[in-house]
PDB file of N, CA and C in Angstrom:
ATOM      1  N   ILE A   1       0.853  -1.181   0.000  1.00  0.00           N
ATOM      2  CA  ILE A   1       0.000   0.000   0.000  1.00  0.00           C
ATOM      3  C   ILE A   1       0.888   1.228   0.000  1.00  0.00           C
ATOM      4  N   LEU A   2       0.632   2.132  -0.915  1.00  0.00           N
ATOM      5  CA  LEU A   2       1.382   3.374  -1.010  1.00  0.00           C
ATOM      6  C   LEU A   2       0.804   4.378  -0.029  1.00  0.00           C
ATOM      7  N   LEU A   3       1.650   4.934   0.820  1.00  0.00           N
ATOM      8  CA  LEU A   3       1.201   5.906   1.811  1.00  0.00           C
ATOM      9  C   LEU A   3       1.789   7.264   1.491  1.00  0.00           C
ATOM     10  N   TYR A   4       1.028   8.284   1.715  1.00  0.00           N
ATOM     11  CA  TYR A   4       1.462   9.648   1.475  1.00  0.00           C
ATOM     12  C   TYR A   4       1.653  10.360   2.804  1.00  0.00           C
ATOM     13  N   ILE A   5       2.312  11.523   2.759  1.00  0.00           N
ATOM     14  CA  ILE A   5       2.579  12.296   3.977  1.00  0.00           C
ATOM     15  C   ILE A   5       1.288  12.546   4.754  1.00  0.00           C
ATOM     16  N   ASP A   6       0.195  12.887   4.067  1.00  0.00           N
ATOM     17  CA  ASP A   6      -1.067  13.142   4.752  1.00  0.00           C
ATOM     18  C   ASP A   6      -1.550  11.941   5.548  1.00  0.00           C
ATOM     19  N   ASP A   7      -1.125  10.735   5.168  1.00  0.00           N
ATOM     20  CA  ASP A   7      -1.536   9.541   5.898  1.00  0.00           C
ATOM     21  C   ASP A   7      -1.019   9.551   7.332  1.00  0.00           C
ATOM     22  N   TYR A   8       0.025  10.310   7.607  1.00  0.00           N
ATOM     23  CA  TYR A   8       0.623  10.346   8.940  1.00  0.00           C
ATOM     24  C   TYR A   8       0.256  11.608   9.714  1.00  0.00           C
ATOM     25  N   ASP A   9      -0.454  12.525   9.096  1.00  0.00           N
ATOM     26  CA  ASP A   9      -0.877  13.747   9.769  1.00  0.00           C
ATOM     27  C   ASP A   9      -2.068  13.407  10.671  1.00  0.00           C
ATOM     28  N   PRO A  10      -1.930  13.592  11.987  1.00  0.00           N
ATOM     29  CA  PRO A  10      -3.000  13.193  12.908  1.00  0.00           C
ATOM     30  C   PRO A  10      -4.348  13.836  12.586  1.00  0.00           C
ATOM     31  N   LYS A  11      -4.343  15.112  12.262  1.00  0.00           N
ATOM     32  CA  LYS A  11      -5.607  15.790  11.959  1.00  0.00           C
ATOM     33  C   LYS A  11      -6.256  15.163  10.727  1.00  0.00           C
ATOM     34  N   HIS A  12      -5.452  14.876   9.730  1.00  0.00           N
ATOM     35  CA  HIS A  12      -5.973  14.242   8.514  1.00  0.00           C
ATOM     36  C   HIS A  12      -6.525  12.852   8.822  1.00  0.00           C
ATOM     37  N   ARG A  13      -5.833  12.093   9.657  1.00  0.00           N
ATOM     38  CA  ARG A  13      -6.283  10.742  10.012  1.00  0.00           C
ATOM     39  C   ARG A  13      -7.649  10.802  10.695  1.00  0.00           C
ATOM     40  N   VAL A  14      -7.786  11.734  11.645  1.00  0.00           N
ATOM     41  CA  VAL A  14      -9.052  11.864  12.373  1.00  0.00           C
ATOM     42  C   VAL A  14     -10.180  12.234  11.417  1.00  0.00           C
ATOM     43  N   GLU A  15      -9.929  13.199  10.540  1.00  0.00           N
ATOM     44  CA  GLU A  15     -10.949  13.610   9.574  1.00  0.00           C
ATOM     45  C   GLU A  15     -11.359  12.449   8.674  1.00  0.00           C
ATOM     46  N   GLU A  16     -10.390  11.649   8.247  1.00  0.00           N
ATOM     47  CA  GLU A  16     -10.680  10.504   7.386  1.00  0.00           C
ATOM     48  C   GLU A  16     -11.505   9.448   8.117  1.00  0.00           C
ATOM     49  N   ILE A  17     -11.141   9.166   9.359  1.00  0.00           N
ATOM     50  CA  ILE A  17     -11.884   8.164  10.133  1.00  0.00           C
ATOM     51  C   ILE A  17     -13.318   8.627  10.348  1.00  0.00           C
ATOM     52  N   ILE A  18     -13.481   9.885  10.728  1.00  0.00           N
ATOM     53  CA  ILE A  18     -14.831  10.403  10.951  1.00  0.00           C
ATOM     54  C   ILE A  18     -15.633  10.365   9.657  1.00  0.00           C
ATOM     55  N   ARG A  19     -15.022  10.806   8.563  1.00  0.00           N
ATOM     56  CA  ARG A  19     -15.714  10.814   7.273  1.00  0.00           C
ATOM     57  C   ARG A  19     -16.120   9.397   6.866  1.00  0.00           C
ATOM     58  N   MET A  20     -15.237   8.454   7.093  1.00  0.00           N
ATOM     59  CA  MET A  20     -15.462   7.081   6.666  1.00  0.00           C
ATOM     60  C   MET A  20     -16.493   6.360   7.546  1.00  0.00           C
ATOM     61  N   CYS A  21     -16.563   6.709   8.816  1.00  0.00           N
ATOM     62  CA  CYS A  21     -17.335   5.891   9.758  1.00  0.00           C
ATOM     63  C   CYS A  21     -18.538   6.570  10.386  1.00  0.00           C
ATOM     64  N   ASP A  22     -18.691   7.848  10.185  1.00  0.00           N
ATOM     65  CA  ASP A  22     -19.776   8.575  10.836  1.00  0.00           C
ATOM     66  C   ASP A  22     -21.103   8.250  10.162  1.00  0.00           C
ATOM     67  N   VAL A  23     -21.749   7.216  10.633  1.00  0.00           N
ATOM     68  CA  VAL A  23     -22.992   6.737  10.032  1.00  0.00           C
ATOM     69  C   VAL A  23     -24.100   7.778  10.154  1.00  0.00           C
ATOM     70  N   THR A  24     -24.166   8.462  11.281  1.00  0.00           N
ATOM     71  CA  THR A  24     -25.249   9.412  11.523  1.00  0.00           C
ATOM     72  C   THR A  24     -25.011  10.772  10.877  1.00  0.00           C
ATOM     73  N   GLY A  25     -23.774  11.067  10.506  1.00  0.00           N
ATOM     74  CA  GLY A  25     -23.466  12.349   9.880  1.00  0.00           C
ATOM     75  C   GLY A  25     -23.360  13.510  10.852  1.00  0.00           C
ATOM     76  N   ASN A  26     -23.227  13.219  12.148  1.00  0.00           N
ATOM     77  CA  ASN A  26     -23.154  14.284  13.147  1.00  0.00           C
ATOM     78  C   ASN A  26     -21.722  14.692  13.497  1.00  0.00           C
ATOM     79  N   LYS A  27     -20.745  14.153  12.773  1.00  0.00           N
ATOM     80  CA  LYS A  27     -19.319  14.429  12.980  1.00  0.00           C
ATOM     81  C   LYS A  27     -18.827  14.010  14.362  1.00  0.00           C
ATOM     82  N   LYS A  28     -19.526  13.047  14.948  1.00  0.00           N
ATOM     83  CA  LYS A  28     -19.119  12.438  16.208  1.00  0.00           C
ATOM     84  C   LYS A  28     -19.203  10.933  16.016  1.00  0.00           C
ATOM     85  N   LEU A  29     -18.272  10.221  16.629  1.00  0.00           N
ATOM     86  CA  LEU A  29     -18.265   8.771  16.491  1.00  0.00           C
ATOM     87  C   LEU A  29     -18.641   8.103  17.801  1.00  0.00           C
ATOM     88  N   THR A  30     -19.468   7.099  17.684  1.00  0.00           N
ATOM     89  CA  THR A  30     -19.708   6.247  18.838  1.00  0.00           C
ATOM     90  C   THR A  30     -18.492   5.333  18.973  1.00  0.00           C
ATOM     91  N   ARG A  31     -18.402   4.654  20.070  1.00  0.00           N
ATOM     92  CA  ARG A  31     -17.298   3.706  20.259  1.00  0.00           C
ATOM     93  C   ARG A  31     -17.314   2.650  19.153  1.00  0.00           C
ATOM     94  N   LYS A  32     -18.504   2.165  18.829  1.00  0.00           N
ATOM     95  CA  LYS A  32     -18.636   1.141  17.795  1.00  0.00           C
ATOM     96  C   LYS A  32     -18.178   1.679  16.439  1.00  0.00           C
ATOM     97  N   GLU A  33     -18.595   2.890  16.080  1.00  0.00           N
ATOM     98  CA  GLU A  33     -18.180   3.492  14.814  1.00  0.00           C
ATOM     99  C   GLU A  33     -16.661   3.653  14.770  1.00  0.00           C
ATOM    100  N   PHE A  34     -16.075   4.082  15.888  1.00  0.00           N
ATOM    101  CA  PHE A  34     -14.629   4.268  15.951  1.00  0.00           C
ATOM    102  C   PHE A  34     -13.888   2.947  15.750  1.00  0.00           C
ATOM    103  N   LEU A  35     -14.334   1.908  16.435  1.00  0.00           N
ATOM    104  CA  LEU A  35     -13.676   0.607  16.318  1.00  0.00           C
ATOM    105  C   LEU A  35     -13.777   0.056  14.898  1.00  0.00           C
ATOM    106  N   ILE A  36     -14.923   0.214  14.277  1.00  0.00           N
ATOM    107  CA  ILE A  36     -15.085  -0.228  12.890  1.00  0.00           C
ATOM    108  C   ILE A  36     -14.150   0.564  11.987  1.00  0.00           C
ATOM    109  N   GLY A  37     -14.036   1.866  12.232  1.00  0.00           N
ATOM    110  CA  GLY A  37     -13.136   2.703  11.439  1.00  0.00           C
ATOM    111  C   GLY A  37     -11.688   2.281  11.574  1.00  0.00           C
ATOM    112  N   CYS A  38     -11.273   1.941  12.774  1.00  0.00           N
ATOM    113  CA  CYS A  38      -9.898   1.481  12.994  1.00  0.00           C
ATOM    114  C   CYS A  38      -9.637   0.175  12.260  1.00  0.00           C
ATOM    115  N   GLN A  39     -10.616  -0.694  12.217  1.00  0.00           N
ATOM    116  CA  GLN A  39     -10.457  -1.965  11.512  1.00  0.00           C
ATOM    117  C   GLN A  39     -10.372  -1.761  10.004  1.00  0.00           C
ATOM    118  N   LYS A  40     -11.052  -0.758   9.483  1.00  0.00           N
ATOM    119  CA  LYS A  40     -11.068  -0.498   8.041  1.00  0.00           C
ATOM    120  C   LYS A  40      -9.845   0.276   7.566  1.00  0.00           C
ATOM    121  N   ASP A  41      -9.207   1.013   8.463  1.00  0.00           N
ATOM    122  CA  ASP A  41      -8.100   1.886   8.078  1.00  0.00           C
ATOM    123  C   ASP A  41      -6.781   1.118   8.119  1.00  0.00           C
ATOM    124  N   PRO A  42      -6.099   0.969   6.972  1.00  0.00           N
ATOM    125  CA  PRO A  42      -4.871   0.163   6.944  1.00  0.00           C
ATOM    126  C   PRO A  42      -3.738   0.732   7.787  1.00  0.00           C
ATOM    127  N   VAL A  43      -3.622   2.040   7.889  1.00  0.00           N
ATOM    128  CA  VAL A  43      -2.546   2.649   8.681  1.00  0.00           C
ATOM    129  C   VAL A  43      -2.771   2.380  10.163  1.00  0.00           C
ATOM    130  N   ILE A  44      -3.961   2.615  10.642  1.00  0.00           N
ATOM    131  CA  ILE A  44      -4.263   2.377  12.060  1.00  0.00           C
ATOM    132  C   ILE A  44      -4.189   0.886  12.373  1.00  0.00           C
ATOM    133  N   ARG A  45      -4.685   0.063  11.467  1.00  0.00           N
ATOM    134  CA  ARG A  45      -4.631  -1.387  11.682  1.00  0.00           C
ATOM    135  C   ARG A  45      -3.189  -1.850  11.850  1.00  0.00           C
ATOM    136  N   ARG A  46      -2.272  -1.318  11.036  1.00  0.00           N
ATOM    137  CA  ARG A  46      -0.858  -1.694  11.159  1.00  0.00           C
ATOM    138  C   ARG A  46      -0.247  -1.175  12.452  1.00  0.00           C
ATOM    139  N   LEU A  47      -0.713  -0.031  12.931  1.00  0.00           N
ATOM    140  CA  LEU A  47      -0.215   0.483  14.210  1.00  0.00           C
ATOM    141  C   LEU A  47      -0.669  -0.401  15.368  1.00  0.00           C
ATOM    142  N   LEU A  48      -1.904  -0.876  15.302  1.00  0.00           N
ATOM    143  CA  LEU A  48      -2.458  -1.686  16.385  1.00  0.00           C
ATOM    144  C   LEU A  48      -1.982  -3.132  16.346  1.00  0.00           C
ATOM    145  N   VAL A  49      -1.776  -3.664  15.139  1.00  0.00           N
ATOM    146  CA  VAL A  49      -1.347  -5.053  14.966  1.00  0.00           C
ATOM    147  C   VAL A  49      -0.231  -5.068  13.924  1.00  0.00           C
ATOM    148  N   PRO A  50       0.991  -4.684  14.322  1.00  0.00           N
ATOM    149  CA  PRO A  50       2.075  -4.505  13.347  1.00  0.00           C
ATOM    150  C   PRO A  50       2.504  -5.771  12.613  1.00  0.00           C
ATOM    151  N   ASP A  51       2.327  -6.941  13.193  1.00  0.00           N
ATOM    152  CA  ASP A  51       2.794  -8.176  12.555  1.00  0.00           C
ATOM    153  C   ASP A  51       1.713  -8.881  11.749  1.00  0.00           C
ATOM    154  N   ALA A  52       0.534  -8.297  11.684  1.00  0.00           N
ATOM    155  CA  ALA A  52      -0.577  -8.957  10.968  1.00  0.00           C
ATOM    156  C   ALA A  52      -0.513  -8.694   9.486  1.00  0.00           C
TER     157      ALA A  52
END
């Protein structure tokens, strides 16, 4: 997977997770929405499970 500088910018990561997972559109994530977002995001997934 090709990663760009923006992939490591914390503000950009948060915006992407919220955009990707905010089912209700209120720009707030429930715990469940957040966990699903972390599972879908390859950068965060590699941070949480580096050997997977």
